[in-house]
Each structure stands twice: as C-alpha cells, then as structure tokens.
Amino acid sequence: MKAIKKSKLTEVLKSKGLSEGFLDTFFRKLKKARKEKEYEKLTQDPKYQALLKKHNLKPVDYLKKNSLSDLGTAVKY
C-alpha cells in the first residue's frame, strides 16, 4: 500500500466537501490511536514488566489528573 501524505489527503477530502474541522478531528484521532497502540506495546514489553517486578514499582497512571499537592505524597526524602 502506497503512503499518502497528509497534505494530499487533506486536499482530496476537501475537494469531496468535508469541512476542515472534521479533518482536524480525524487526524487528531488517528494520531491518538497510533500513540495508544505504541503505549500498549511498550507497557506489555517483558523487559519493562521484569523491571517493575524487580524493583517493586507500580506503573505510572498517565490518565490520572495530578495536582501540585499530590507531589508531596509522591516524593519521599
């Protein structure tokens, strides 16, 4: 399958009558899906899992919203 550049695809889709807002959302969702797939691949890596187990670490929850007040509980001196 031949790769299509984003600019060319945007041009073709605009000529078909799609709005620019729709295209922005479409490309943002594609980018997010690619990043999520990469994240899943990395977190399921056996080396990563071995390091977590060896050092008794918990995986970072990137979806959790943290505030500055949470920083004091995360850092222990």
PDB file of N, CA and C in Angstrom:
ATOM      1  N   MET A   1       0.837  -1.176   0.000  1.00  0.00           N
ATOM      2  CA  MET A   1       0.000   0.000   0.000  1.00  0.00           C
ATOM      3  C   MET A   1       0.881   1.238   0.000  1.00  0.00           C
ATOM      4  N   LYS A   2       0.588   2.142  -0.872  1.00  0.00           N
ATOM      5  CA  LYS A   2       1.382   3.348  -1.002  1.00  0.00           C
ATOM      6  C   LYS A   2       0.963   4.368   0.059  1.00  0.00           C
ATOM      7  N   ALA A   3       1.945   5.018   0.664  1.00  0.00           N
ATOM      8  CA  ALA A   3       1.678   6.023   1.686  1.00  0.00           C
ATOM      9  C   ALA A   3       1.206   7.323   1.027  1.00  0.00           C
ATOM     10  N   ILE A   4       0.224   7.934   1.655  1.00  0.00           N
ATOM     11  CA  ILE A   4      -0.313   9.203   1.167  1.00  0.00           C
ATOM     12  C   ILE A   4       0.052  10.291   2.173  1.00  0.00           C
ATOM     13  N   LYS A   5       0.569  11.392   1.673  1.00  0.00           N
ATOM     14  CA  LYS A   5       0.923  12.497   2.552  1.00  0.00           C
ATOM     15  C   LYS A   5      -0.336  13.161   3.080  1.00  0.00           C
ATOM     16  N   LYS A   6      -0.223  13.711   4.301  1.00  0.00           N
ATOM     17  CA  LYS A   6      -1.360  14.353   4.943  1.00  0.00           C
ATOM     18  C   LYS A   6      -1.905  15.503   4.100  1.00  0.00           C
ATOM     19  N   SER A   7      -1.018  16.287   3.515  1.00  0.00           N
ATOM     20  CA  SER A   7      -1.460  17.443   2.722  1.00  0.00           C
ATOM     21  C   SER A   7      -2.257  17.006   1.494  1.00  0.00           C
ATOM     22  N   LYS A   8      -1.810  15.935   0.856  1.00  0.00           N
ATOM     23  CA  LYS A   8      -2.516  15.428  -0.333  1.00  0.00           C
ATOM     24  C   LYS A   8      -3.886  14.862   0.052  1.00  0.00           C
ATOM     25  N   LEU A   9      -3.924  14.118   1.155  1.00  0.00           N
ATOM     26  CA  LEU A   9      -5.182  13.554   1.622  1.00  0.00           C
ATOM     27  C   LEU A   9      -6.159  14.665   2.026  1.00  0.00           C
ATOM     28  N   THR A  10      -5.662  15.694   2.677  1.00  0.00           N
ATOM     29  CA  THR A  10      -6.493  16.831   3.065  1.00  0.00           C
ATOM     30  C   THR A  10      -7.073  17.505   1.830  1.00  0.00           C
ATOM     31  N   GLU A  11      -6.244  17.686   0.830  1.00  0.00           N
ATOM     32  CA  GLU A  11      -6.686  18.318  -0.411  1.00  0.00           C
ATOM     33  C   GLU A  11      -7.804  17.501  -1.082  1.00  0.00           C
ATOM     34  N   VAL A  12      -7.615  16.192  -1.141  1.00  0.00           N
ATOM     35  CA  VAL A  12      -8.613  15.325  -1.769  1.00  0.00           C
ATOM     36  C   VAL A  12      -9.921  15.329  -0.980  1.00  0.00           C
ATOM     37  N   LEU A  13      -9.829  15.225   0.338  1.00  0.00           N
ATOM     38  CA  LEU A  13     -11.032  15.193   1.155  1.00  0.00           C
ATOM     39  C   LEU A  13     -11.781  16.530   1.138  1.00  0.00           C
ATOM     40  N   LYS A  14     -11.044  17.635   1.083  1.00  0.00           N
ATOM     41  CA  LYS A  14     -11.693  18.950   0.979  1.00  0.00           C
ATOM     42  C   LYS A  14     -12.423  19.073  -0.352  1.00  0.00           C
ATOM     43  N   SER A  15     -11.831  18.538  -1.406  1.00  0.00           N
ATOM     44  CA  SER A  15     -12.480  18.599  -2.715  1.00  0.00           C
ATOM     45  C   SER A  15     -13.767  17.776  -2.738  1.00  0.00           C
ATOM     46  N   LYS A  16     -13.865  16.783  -1.831  1.00  0.00           N
ATOM     47  CA  LYS A  16     -15.073  15.962  -1.727  1.00  0.00           C
ATOM     48  C   LYS A  16     -16.139  16.630  -0.851  1.00  0.00           C
ATOM     49  N   GLY A  17     -15.793  17.768  -0.240  1.00  0.00           N
ATOM     50  CA  GLY A  17     -16.781  18.515   0.522  1.00  0.00           C
ATOM     51  C   GLY A  17     -16.702  18.370   2.031  1.00  0.00           C
ATOM     52  N   LEU A  18     -15.656  17.767   2.556  1.00  0.00           N
ATOM     53  CA  LEU A  18     -15.523  17.636   4.002  1.00  0.00           C
ATOM     54  C   LEU A  18     -14.973  18.931   4.598  1.00  0.00           C
ATOM     55  N   SER A  19     -15.451  19.269   5.793  1.00  0.00           N
ATOM     56  CA  SER A  19     -15.028  20.519   6.432  1.00  0.00           C
ATOM     57  C   SER A  19     -13.646  20.366   7.047  1.00  0.00           C
ATOM     58  N   GLU A  20     -13.016  21.502   7.273  1.00  0.00           N
ATOM     59  CA  GLU A  20     -11.673  21.490   7.856  1.00  0.00           C
ATOM     60  C   GLU A  20     -11.707  21.036   9.306  1.00  0.00           C
ATOM     61  N   GLY A  21     -12.774  21.373  10.023  1.00  0.00           N
ATOM     62  CA  GLY A  21     -12.920  20.935  11.410  1.00  0.00           C
ATOM     63  C   GLY A  21     -12.993  19.416  11.512  1.00  0.00           C
ATOM     64  N   PHE A  22     -13.741  18.814  10.599  1.00  0.00           N
ATOM     65  CA  PHE A  22     -13.832  17.352  10.567  1.00  0.00           C
ATOM     66  C   PHE A  22     -12.469  16.737  10.308  1.00  0.00           C
ATOM     67  N   LEU A  23     -11.726  17.317   9.369  1.00  0.00           N
ATOM     68  CA  LEU A  23     -10.405  16.777   9.029  1.00  0.00           C
ATOM     69  C   LEU A  23      -9.440  16.895  10.199  1.00  0.00           C
ATOM     70  N   ASP A  24      -9.486  18.026  10.908  1.00  0.00           N
ATOM     71  CA  ASP A  24      -8.621  18.190  12.083  1.00  0.00           C
ATOM     72  C   ASP A  24      -8.926  17.119  13.127  1.00  0.00           C
ATOM     73  N   THR A  25     -10.209  16.892  13.384  1.00  0.00           N
ATOM     74  CA  THR A  25     -10.617  15.876  14.347  1.00  0.00           C
ATOM     75  C   THR A  25     -10.186  14.490  13.878  1.00  0.00           C
ATOM     76  N   PHE A  26     -10.349  14.216  12.615  1.00  0.00           N
ATOM     77  CA  PHE A  26      -9.974  12.927  12.036  1.00  0.00           C
ATOM     78  C   PHE A  26      -8.482  12.654  12.223  1.00  0.00           C
ATOM     79  N   PHE A  27      -7.640  13.622  11.879  1.00  0.00           N
ATOM     80  CA  PHE A  27      -6.196  13.432  12.010  1.00  0.00           C
ATOM     81  C   PHE A  27      -5.769  13.355  13.476  1.00  0.00           C
ATOM     82  N   ARG A  28      -6.429  14.095  14.355  1.00  0.00           N
ATOM     83  CA  ARG A  28      -6.119  14.047  15.782  1.00  0.00           C
ATOM     84  C   ARG A  28      -6.437  12.654  16.336  1.00  0.00           C
ATOM     85  N   LYS A  29      -7.562  12.081  15.922  1.00  0.00           N
ATOM     86  CA  LYS A  29      -7.925  10.738  16.377  1.00  0.00           C
ATOM     87  C   LYS A  29      -6.958   9.683  15.848  1.00  0.00           C
ATOM     88  N   LEU A  30      -6.508   9.840  14.608  1.00  0.00           N
ATOM     89  CA  LEU A  30      -5.520   8.908  14.059  1.00  0.00           C
ATOM     90  C   LEU A  30      -4.218   8.952  14.858  1.00  0.00           C
ATOM     91  N   LYS A  31      -3.781  10.157  15.174  1.00  0.00           N
ATOM     92  CA  LYS A  31      -2.545  10.335  15.928  1.00  0.00           C
ATOM     93  C   LYS A  31      -2.678   9.729  17.322  1.00  0.00           C
ATOM     94  N   LYS A  32      -3.819   9.955  17.958  1.00  0.00           N
ATOM     95  CA  LYS A  32      -4.055   9.420  19.297  1.00  0.00           C
ATOM     96  C   LYS A  32      -4.077   7.899  19.271  1.00  0.00           C
ATOM     97  N   ALA A  33      -4.723   7.313  18.285  1.00  0.00           N
ATOM     98  CA  ALA A  33      -4.794   5.854  18.173  1.00  0.00           C
ATOM     99  C   ALA A  33      -3.405   5.256  18.001  1.00  0.00           C
ATOM    100  N   ARG A  34      -2.571   5.903  17.204  1.00  0.00           N
ATOM    101  CA  ARG A  34      -1.201   5.415  16.994  1.00  0.00           C
ATOM    102  C   ARG A  34      -0.400   5.472  18.297  1.00  0.00           C
ATOM    103  N   LYS A  35      -0.548   6.567  19.047  1.00  0.00           N
ATOM    104  CA  LYS A  35       0.161   6.706  20.320  1.00  0.00           C
ATOM    105  C   LYS A  35      -0.320   5.680  21.344  1.00  0.00           C
ATOM    106  N   GLU A  36      -1.631   5.428  21.387  1.00  0.00           N
ATOM    107  CA  GLU A  36      -2.166   4.436  22.323  1.00  0.00           C
ATOM    108  C   GLU A  36      -1.661   3.037  21.989  1.00  0.00           C
ATOM    109  N   LYS A  37      -1.575   2.724  20.718  1.00  0.00           N
ATOM    110  CA  LYS A  37      -1.060   1.419  20.291  1.00  0.00           C
ATOM    111  C   LYS A  37       0.414   1.274  20.705  1.00  0.00           C
ATOM    112  N   GLU A  38       1.190   2.334  20.522  1.00  0.00           N
ATOM    113  CA  GLU A  38       2.601   2.324  20.903  1.00  0.00           C
ATOM    114  C   GLU A  38       2.746   2.167  22.417  1.00  0.00           C
ATOM    115  N   TYR A  39       1.887   2.871  23.173  1.00  0.00           N
ATOM    116  CA  TYR A  39       1.910   2.789  24.636  1.00  0.00           C
ATOM    117  C   TYR A  39       1.614   1.369  25.101  1.00  0.00           C
ATOM    118  N   GLU A  40       0.596   0.749  24.524  1.00  0.00           N
ATOM    119  CA  GLU A  40       0.246  -0.622  24.876  1.00  0.00           C
ATOM    120  C   GLU A  40       1.405  -1.576  24.584  1.00  0.00           C
ATOM    121  N   LYS A  41       2.050  -1.376  23.456  1.00  0.00           N
ATOM    122  CA  LYS A  41       3.167  -2.235  23.082  1.00  0.00           C
ATOM    123  C   LYS A  41       4.311  -2.095  24.092  1.00  0.00           C
ATOM    124  N   LEU A  42       4.588  -0.871  24.509  1.00  0.00           N
ATOM    125  CA  LEU A  42       5.679  -0.640  25.459  1.00  0.00           C
ATOM    126  C   LEU A  42       5.360  -1.182  26.846  1.00  0.00           C
ATOM    127  N   THR A  43       4.127  -1.003  27.300  1.00  0.00           N
ATOM    128  CA  THR A  43       3.786  -1.466  28.646  1.00  0.00           C
ATOM    129  C   THR A  43       3.675  -2.975  28.731  1.00  0.00           C
ATOM    130  N   GLN A  44       3.460  -3.650  27.629  1.00  0.00           N
ATOM    131  CA  GLN A  44       3.379  -5.107  27.633  1.00  0.00           C
ATOM    132  C   GLN A  44       4.734  -5.758  27.354  1.00  0.00           C
ATOM    133  N   ASP A  45       5.767  -4.942  27.214  1.00  0.00           N
ATOM    134  CA  ASP A  45       7.110  -5.441  26.944  1.00  0.00           C
ATOM    135  C   ASP A  45       7.615  -6.268  28.131  1.00  0.00           C
ATOM    136  N   PRO A  46       8.128  -7.467  27.902  1.00  0.00           N
ATOM    137  CA  PRO A  46       8.607  -8.311  29.010  1.00  0.00           C
ATOM    138  C   PRO A  46       9.742  -7.670  29.814  1.00  0.00           C
ATOM    139  N   LYS A  47      10.614  -6.915  29.161  1.00  0.00           N
ATOM    140  CA  LYS A  47      11.705  -6.254  29.887  1.00  0.00           C
ATOM    141  C   LYS A  47      11.154  -5.206  30.842  1.00  0.00           C
ATOM    142  N   TYR A  48      10.162  -4.455  30.397  1.00  0.00           N
ATOM    143  CA  TYR A  48       9.525  -3.443  31.237  1.00  0.00           C
ATOM    144  C   TYR A  48       8.852  -4.108  32.438  1.00  0.00           C
ATOM    145  N   GLN A  49       8.134  -5.188  32.187  1.00  0.00           N
ATOM    146  CA  GLN A  49       7.453  -5.909  33.262  1.00  0.00           C
ATOM    147  C   GLN A  49       8.465  -6.474  34.263  1.00  0.00           C
ATOM    148  N   ALA A  50       9.601  -6.962  33.768  1.00  0.00           N
ATOM    149  CA  ALA A  50      10.642  -7.507  34.642  1.00  0.00           C
ATOM    150  C   ALA A  50      11.230  -6.415  35.535  1.00  0.00           C
ATOM    151  N   LEU A  51      11.443  -5.229  34.972  1.00  0.00           N
ATOM    152  CA  LEU A  51      11.971  -4.116  35.776  1.00  0.00           C
ATOM    153  C   LEU A  51      10.986  -3.703  36.871  1.00  0.00           C
ATOM    154  N   LEU A  52       9.714  -3.655  36.534  1.00  0.00           N
ATOM    155  CA  LEU A  52       8.701  -3.311  37.538  1.00  0.00           C
ATOM    156  C   LEU A  52       8.714  -4.312  38.686  1.00  0.00           C
ATOM    157  N   LYS A  53       8.792  -5.582  38.334  1.00  0.00           N
ATOM    158  CA  LYS A  53       8.776  -6.620  39.354  1.00  0.00           C
ATOM    159  C   LYS A  53      10.058  -6.610  40.182  1.00  0.00           C
ATOM    160  N   LYS A  54      11.189  -6.451  39.521  1.00  0.00           N
ATOM    161  CA  LYS A  54      12.482  -6.487  40.206  1.00  0.00           C
ATOM    162  C   LYS A  54      12.612  -5.371  41.232  1.00  0.00           C
ATOM    163  N   HIS A  55      12.174  -4.163  40.872  1.00  0.00           N
ATOM    164  CA  HIS A  55      12.331  -3.008  41.755  1.00  0.00           C
ATOM    165  C   HIS A  55      11.062  -2.685  42.537  1.00  0.00           C
ATOM    166  N   ASN A  56      10.061  -3.570  42.450  1.00  0.00           N
ATOM    167  CA  ASN A  56       8.802  -3.410  43.169  1.00  0.00           C
ATOM    168  C   ASN A  56       8.170  -2.041  42.901  1.00  0.00           C
ATOM    169  N   LEU A  57       8.033  -1.710  41.635  1.00  0.00           N
ATOM    170  CA  LEU A  57       7.462  -0.433  41.219  1.00  0.00           C
ATOM    171  C   LEU A  57       6.042  -0.613  40.720  1.00  0.00           C
ATOM    172  N   LYS A  58       5.268   0.454  40.822  1.00  0.00           N
ATOM    173  CA  LYS A  58       3.930   0.472  40.244  1.00  0.00           C
ATOM    174  C   LYS A  58       4.009   1.248  38.934  1.00  0.00           C
ATOM    175  N   PRO A  59       3.291   0.806  37.909  1.00  0.00           N
ATOM    176  CA  PRO A  59       3.291   1.562  36.652  1.00  0.00           C
ATOM    177  C   PRO A  59       2.652   2.935  36.857  1.00  0.00           C
ATOM    178  N   VAL A  60       3.116   3.903  36.113  1.00  0.00           N
ATOM    179  CA  VAL A  60       2.594   5.265  36.201  1.00  0.00           C
ATOM    180  C   VAL A  60       1.234   5.313  35.514  1.00  0.00           C
ATOM    181  N   ASP A  61       0.258   5.897  36.188  1.00  0.00           N
ATOM    182  CA  ASP A  61      -1.070   6.073  35.602  1.00  0.00           C
ATOM    183  C   ASP A  61      -1.099   7.438  34.927  1.00  0.00           C
ATOM    184  N   TYR A  62      -0.902   7.445  33.621  1.00  0.00           N
ATOM    185  CA  TYR A  62      -0.842   8.704  32.883  1.00  0.00           C
ATOM    186  C   TYR A  62      -2.210   9.331  32.691  1.00  0.00           C
ATOM    187  N   LEU A  63      -3.269   8.587  32.902  1.00  0.00           N
ATOM    188  CA  LEU A  63      -4.616   9.118  32.729  1.00  0.00           C
ATOM    189  C   LEU A  63      -5.092   9.878  33.962  1.00  0.00           C
ATOM    190  N   LYS A  64      -4.460   9.640  35.107  1.00  0.00           N
ATOM    191  CA  LYS A  64      -4.850  10.312  36.340  1.00  0.00           C
ATOM    192  C   LYS A  64      -4.410  11.773  36.287  1.00  0.00           C
ATOM    193  N   LYS A  65      -5.319  12.652  36.681  1.00  0.00           N
ATOM    194  CA  LYS A  65      -5.007  14.069  36.737  1.00  0.00           C
ATOM    195  C   LYS A  65      -4.337  14.361  38.075  1.00  0.00           C
ATOM    196  N   ASN A  66      -3.129  14.868  38.042  1.00  0.00           N
ATOM    197  CA  ASN A  66      -2.374  15.181  39.243  1.00  0.00           C
ATOM    198  C   ASN A  66      -2.311  16.684  39.452  1.00  0.00           C
ATOM    199  N   SER A  67      -2.191  17.060  40.701  1.00  0.00           N
ATOM    200  CA  SER A  67      -2.026  18.464  41.028  1.00  0.00           C
ATOM    201  C   SER A  67      -0.712  18.628  41.781  1.00  0.00           C
ATOM    202  N   LEU A  68      -0.345  19.858  42.056  1.00  0.00           N
ATOM    203  CA  LEU A  68       0.893  20.115  42.781  1.00  0.00           C
ATOM    204  C   LEU A  68       0.826  19.583  44.208  1.00  0.00           C
ATOM    205  N   SER A  69      -0.363  19.520  44.786  1.00  0.00           N
ATOM    206  CA  SER A  69      -0.490  18.999  46.150  1.00  0.00           C
ATOM    207  C   SER A  69      -0.170  17.499  46.206  1.00  0.00           C
ATOM    208  N   ASP A  70      -0.340  16.786  45.083  1.00  0.00           N
ATOM    209  CA  ASP A  70      -0.007  15.365  45.028  1.00  0.00           C
ATOM    210  C   ASP A  70       1.500  15.137  45.006  1.00  0.00           C
ATOM    211  N   LEU A  71       2.252  16.129  44.663  1.00  0.00           N
ATOM    212  CA  LEU A  71       3.699  15.982  44.540  1.00  0.00           C
ATOM    213  C   LEU A  71       4.336  15.620  45.879  1.00  0.00           C
ATOM    214  N   GLY A  72       3.864  16.205  46.960  1.00  0.00           N
ATOM    215  CA  GLY A  72       4.421  15.911  48.285  1.00  0.00           C
ATOM    216  C   GLY A  72       4.237  14.473  48.693  1.00  0.00           C
ATOM    217  N   THR A  73       3.162  13.848  48.278  1.00  0.00           N
ATOM    218  CA  THR A  73       2.930  12.451  48.651  1.00  0.00           C
ATOM    219  C   THR A  73       3.743  11.509  47.765  1.00  0.00           C
ATOM    220  N   ALA A  74       4.105  11.950  46.578  1.00  0.00           N
ATOM    221  CA  ALA A  74       4.840  11.092  45.666  1.00  0.00           C
ATOM    222  C   ALA A  74       6.329  11.070  45.965  1.00  0.00           C
ATOM    223  N   VAL A  75       6.859  12.165  46.503  1.00  0.00           N
ATOM    224  CA  VAL A  75       8.304  12.280  46.751  1.00  0.00           C
ATOM    225  C   VAL A  75       8.569  12.084  48.231  1.00  0.00           C
ATOM    226  N   LYS A  76       9.357  11.095  48.557  1.00  0.00           N
ATOM    227  CA  LYS A  76       9.723  10.824  49.951  1.00  0.00           C
ATOM    228  C   LYS A  76      11.224  11.021  50.091  1.00  0.00           C
ATOM    229  N   TYR A  77      11.609  11.764  51.125  1.00  0.00           N
ATOM    230  CA  TYR A  77      13.031  12.032  51.343  1.00  0.00           C
ATOM    231  C   TYR A  77      13.598  11.103  52.355  1.00  0.00           C
TER     232      TYR A  77
END
